[in-house]
Amino acid sequence: MKIRIVYVLMFVMLLGINLFSQSPRGKDFGFGIILGEPTGITVKYWFNSENALVGNLGTSYFGKPRLDVEYLWHFDAFNSSIVKMYAGPGGVLGFGEGNSYWYEWKNDRFYYRKSGELGLGIKGLVGINIIPRRTPLEIFLEIGVLIGMAPDFGSQGEAALGIRFYP
């Protein structure tokens, strides 16, 4: 009976090691998909273990296509080598169709973008990324605020979920 308990405990410990000991260490460029705002493709370039540049290209209420570029600072909020938080500013360009109302109060349009107009905005975001050890993957969830600067002024909350692969 004691031998079985020892084997079960060893199996559980080894299973835990395999599940939580994976990471894209040494890899500085990754690409993948992002779902939410925007929905499309994403790339990330790490400058070091704390700073990274992210680019997203996809579709959104702000424009089809939409281009985002963000500078991110990663920090260890959970005292974990696997789960990290990040935050940073970014810029957004929306091309083509964008027909969107961001706020309307008694027909007083706070922000309306017609099709064909160039949308220019800035954004701030905060997120959580999970980088499992010994796998070339990064899973992330982020929320933020987009402030539209042109062709009119307005703001909108955003959220996205994605995954990146580090070859």
Protein backbone atom coordinates (compact mmCIF):
# COMPACT_ATOMS: atom_id res chain seq x y z
CA MET A 1 0.00 0.00 0.00
CA LYS A 2 2.80 2.43 0.89
CA ILE A 3 4.57 1.64 -2.40
CA ARG A 4 1.42 2.53 -4.36
CA ILE A 5 1.11 5.84 -2.54
CA VAL A 6 4.75 6.64 -3.31
CA TYR A 7 4.23 5.79 -7.01
CA VAL A 8 1.06 7.89 -7.21
CA LEU A 9 2.81 10.84 -5.55
CA MET A 10 5.80 10.52 -7.90
CA PHE A 11 3.47 10.40 -10.92
CA VAL A 12 1.56 13.50 -9.77
CA MET A 13 4.83 15.39 -9.15
CA LEU A 14 6.22 14.43 -12.57
CA LEU A 15 2.94 15.39 -14.24
CA GLY A 16 3.09 18.77 -12.52
CA ILE A 17 6.67 19.30 -13.65
CA ASN A 18 5.74 18.57 -17.27
CA LEU A 19 2.72 20.84 -17.18
CA PHE A 20 4.43 23.84 -15.60
CA SER A 21 8.02 23.69 -16.80
CA GLN A 22 7.83 25.05 -20.34
CA SER A 23 8.95 28.39 -21.85
CA PRO A 24 10.09 30.10 -25.08
CA ARG A 25 13.41 30.98 -23.44
CA GLY A 26 16.01 32.47 -25.70
CA LYS A 27 13.40 33.24 -28.36
CA ASP A 28 12.83 36.93 -29.02
CA PHE A 29 10.32 36.85 -31.91
CA GLY A 30 6.85 35.29 -31.88
CA PHE A 31 3.74 35.38 -34.03
CA GLY A 32 0.18 34.17 -33.61
CA ILE A 33 -3.50 35.05 -33.54
CA ILE A 34 -5.50 37.53 -31.49
CA LEU A 35 -9.26 37.40 -30.92
CA GLY A 36 -11.28 40.36 -29.69
CA GLU A 37 -10.29 43.93 -30.46
CA PRO A 38 -8.68 43.56 -32.95
CA THR A 39 -9.23 40.09 -34.40
CA GLY A 40 -6.32 39.10 -36.62
CA ILE A 41 -2.61 38.32 -36.46
CA THR A 42 -0.11 39.41 -33.82
CA VAL A 43 3.68 39.59 -33.62
CA LYS A 44 5.92 40.25 -30.62
CA TYR A 45 9.58 41.15 -30.38
CA TRP A 46 11.28 40.95 -26.96
CA PHE A 47 14.07 43.47 -26.35
CA ASN A 48 14.92 41.82 -23.02
CA SER A 49 13.07 39.85 -20.33
CA GLU A 50 10.92 42.85 -19.36
CA ASN A 51 10.36 44.98 -22.50
CA ALA A 52 8.70 44.06 -25.78
CA LEU A 53 7.19 45.59 -28.90
CA VAL A 54 3.87 44.16 -30.15
CA GLY A 55 2.15 44.64 -33.49
CA ASN A 56 -1.39 43.54 -34.36
CA LEU A 57 -3.06 43.58 -37.77
CA GLY A 58 -6.73 42.72 -38.05
CA THR A 59 -10.32 43.89 -38.17
CA SER A 60 -12.20 45.88 -35.59
CA TYR A 61 -14.97 48.42 -35.09
CA PHE A 62 -12.21 51.05 -35.43
CA GLY A 63 -11.27 49.99 -38.95
CA LYS A 64 -10.85 47.14 -41.39
CA PRO A 65 -7.91 46.72 -41.51
CA ARG A 66 -6.63 48.02 -38.20
CA LEU A 67 -2.95 48.29 -37.20
CA ASP A 68 -1.85 48.45 -33.54
CA VAL A 69 1.66 48.93 -32.18
CA GLU A 70 2.33 48.72 -28.42
CA TYR A 71 5.37 48.99 -26.18
CA LEU A 72 4.99 46.68 -23.17
CA TRP A 73 6.65 46.42 -19.76
CA HIS A 74 6.37 42.99 -18.13
CA PHE A 75 6.44 42.64 -14.36
CA ASP A 76 6.21 39.81 -11.87
CA ALA A 77 2.97 40.55 -9.99
CA PHE A 78 2.36 36.91 -9.01
CA ASN A 79 5.90 35.89 -7.98
CA SER A 80 5.85 33.31 -10.79
CA SER A 81 8.18 32.50 -13.65
CA ILE A 82 5.22 31.34 -15.77
CA VAL A 83 2.49 33.97 -15.25
CA LYS A 84 3.44 37.62 -15.71
CA MET A 85 1.51 40.86 -16.05
CA TYR A 86 2.26 43.59 -18.53
CA ALA A 87 1.18 47.13 -19.29
CA GLY A 88 1.98 49.77 -21.84
CA PRO A 89 0.93 52.45 -24.31
CA GLY A 90 0.29 52.08 -28.00
CA GLY A 91 -0.91 53.65 -31.20
CA VAL A 92 -3.76 52.57 -33.49
CA LEU A 93 -4.53 53.24 -37.15
CA GLY A 94 -7.88 52.24 -38.61
CA PHE A 95 -8.28 52.14 -42.40
CA GLY A 96 -11.32 51.53 -44.57
CA GLU A 97 -14.68 50.59 -43.08
CA GLY A 98 -15.13 51.62 -39.52
CA ASN A 99 -18.83 52.51 -39.22
CA SER A 100 -19.09 52.70 -35.47
CA TYR A 101 -20.92 54.66 -32.83
CA TRP A 102 -18.95 54.89 -29.64
CA TYR A 103 -21.44 56.96 -27.69
CA GLU A 104 -24.77 58.52 -28.52
CA TRP A 105 -26.86 60.65 -26.18
CA LYS A 106 -30.09 62.04 -27.60
CA ASN A 107 -28.66 61.95 -31.15
CA ASP A 108 -25.58 63.86 -30.06
CA ARG A 109 -22.91 61.62 -31.54
CA PHE A 110 -19.87 61.51 -29.29
CA TYR A 111 -17.82 59.60 -31.84
CA TYR A 112 -18.81 58.31 -35.25
CA ARG A 113 -16.42 57.05 -37.87
CA LYS A 114 -17.68 56.78 -41.42
CA SER A 115 -16.41 54.28 -43.92
CA GLY A 116 -13.26 55.30 -45.77
CA GLU A 117 -11.97 57.71 -43.15
CA LEU A 118 -8.61 57.20 -41.47
CA GLY A 119 -8.95 56.57 -37.75
CA LEU A 120 -6.06 57.55 -35.47
CA GLY A 121 -5.98 56.64 -31.80
CA ILE A 122 -3.87 55.91 -28.77
CA LYS A 123 -4.38 53.10 -26.32
CA GLY A 124 -3.30 51.93 -22.92
CA LEU A 125 -3.53 48.30 -21.91
CA VAL A 126 -2.84 45.86 -19.12
CA GLY A 127 -2.68 42.12 -19.50
CA ILE A 128 -1.64 38.72 -18.22
CA ASN A 129 0.55 36.36 -20.20
CA ILE A 130 1.23 32.73 -19.51
CA ILE A 131 4.49 31.36 -20.87
CA PRO A 132 4.60 27.64 -20.08
CA ARG A 133 8.11 26.31 -19.62
CA ARG A 134 9.72 24.24 -22.39
CA THR A 135 7.11 25.12 -25.01
CA PRO A 136 7.41 27.80 -27.67
CA LEU A 137 4.00 29.30 -26.77
CA GLU A 138 2.67 32.40 -25.05
CA ILE A 139 -1.01 32.74 -24.11
CA PHE A 140 -2.28 36.21 -23.27
CA LEU A 141 -5.38 38.09 -22.14
CA GLU A 142 -5.48 41.88 -22.20
CA ILE A 143 -7.87 44.75 -21.55
CA GLY A 144 -7.45 48.40 -22.31
CA VAL A 145 -8.87 51.70 -23.42
CA LEU A 146 -8.66 53.08 -26.95
CA ILE A 147 -8.94 56.85 -27.29
CA GLY A 148 -9.87 57.90 -30.81
CA MET A 149 -8.15 61.17 -31.79
CA ALA A 150 -9.15 61.50 -35.46
CA PRO A 151 -11.40 62.01 -37.33
CA ASP A 152 -13.18 62.77 -34.05
CA PHE A 153 -12.56 62.30 -30.33
CA GLY A 154 -13.93 59.42 -28.25
CA SER A 155 -13.03 56.38 -26.18
CA GLN A 156 -13.87 52.69 -26.03
CA GLY A 157 -12.96 49.76 -23.79
CA GLU A 158 -11.33 46.76 -25.46
CA ALA A 159 -10.40 43.18 -24.61
CA ALA A 160 -8.48 40.46 -26.45
CA LEU A 161 -7.28 36.89 -26.03
CA GLY A 162 -4.52 35.31 -28.07
CA ILE A 163 -1.67 32.89 -28.50
CA ARG A 164 1.81 33.34 -30.00
CA PHE A 165 4.29 30.77 -31.25
CA TYR A 166 8.06 31.30 -30.93
CA PRO A 167 9.89 29.36 -33.67
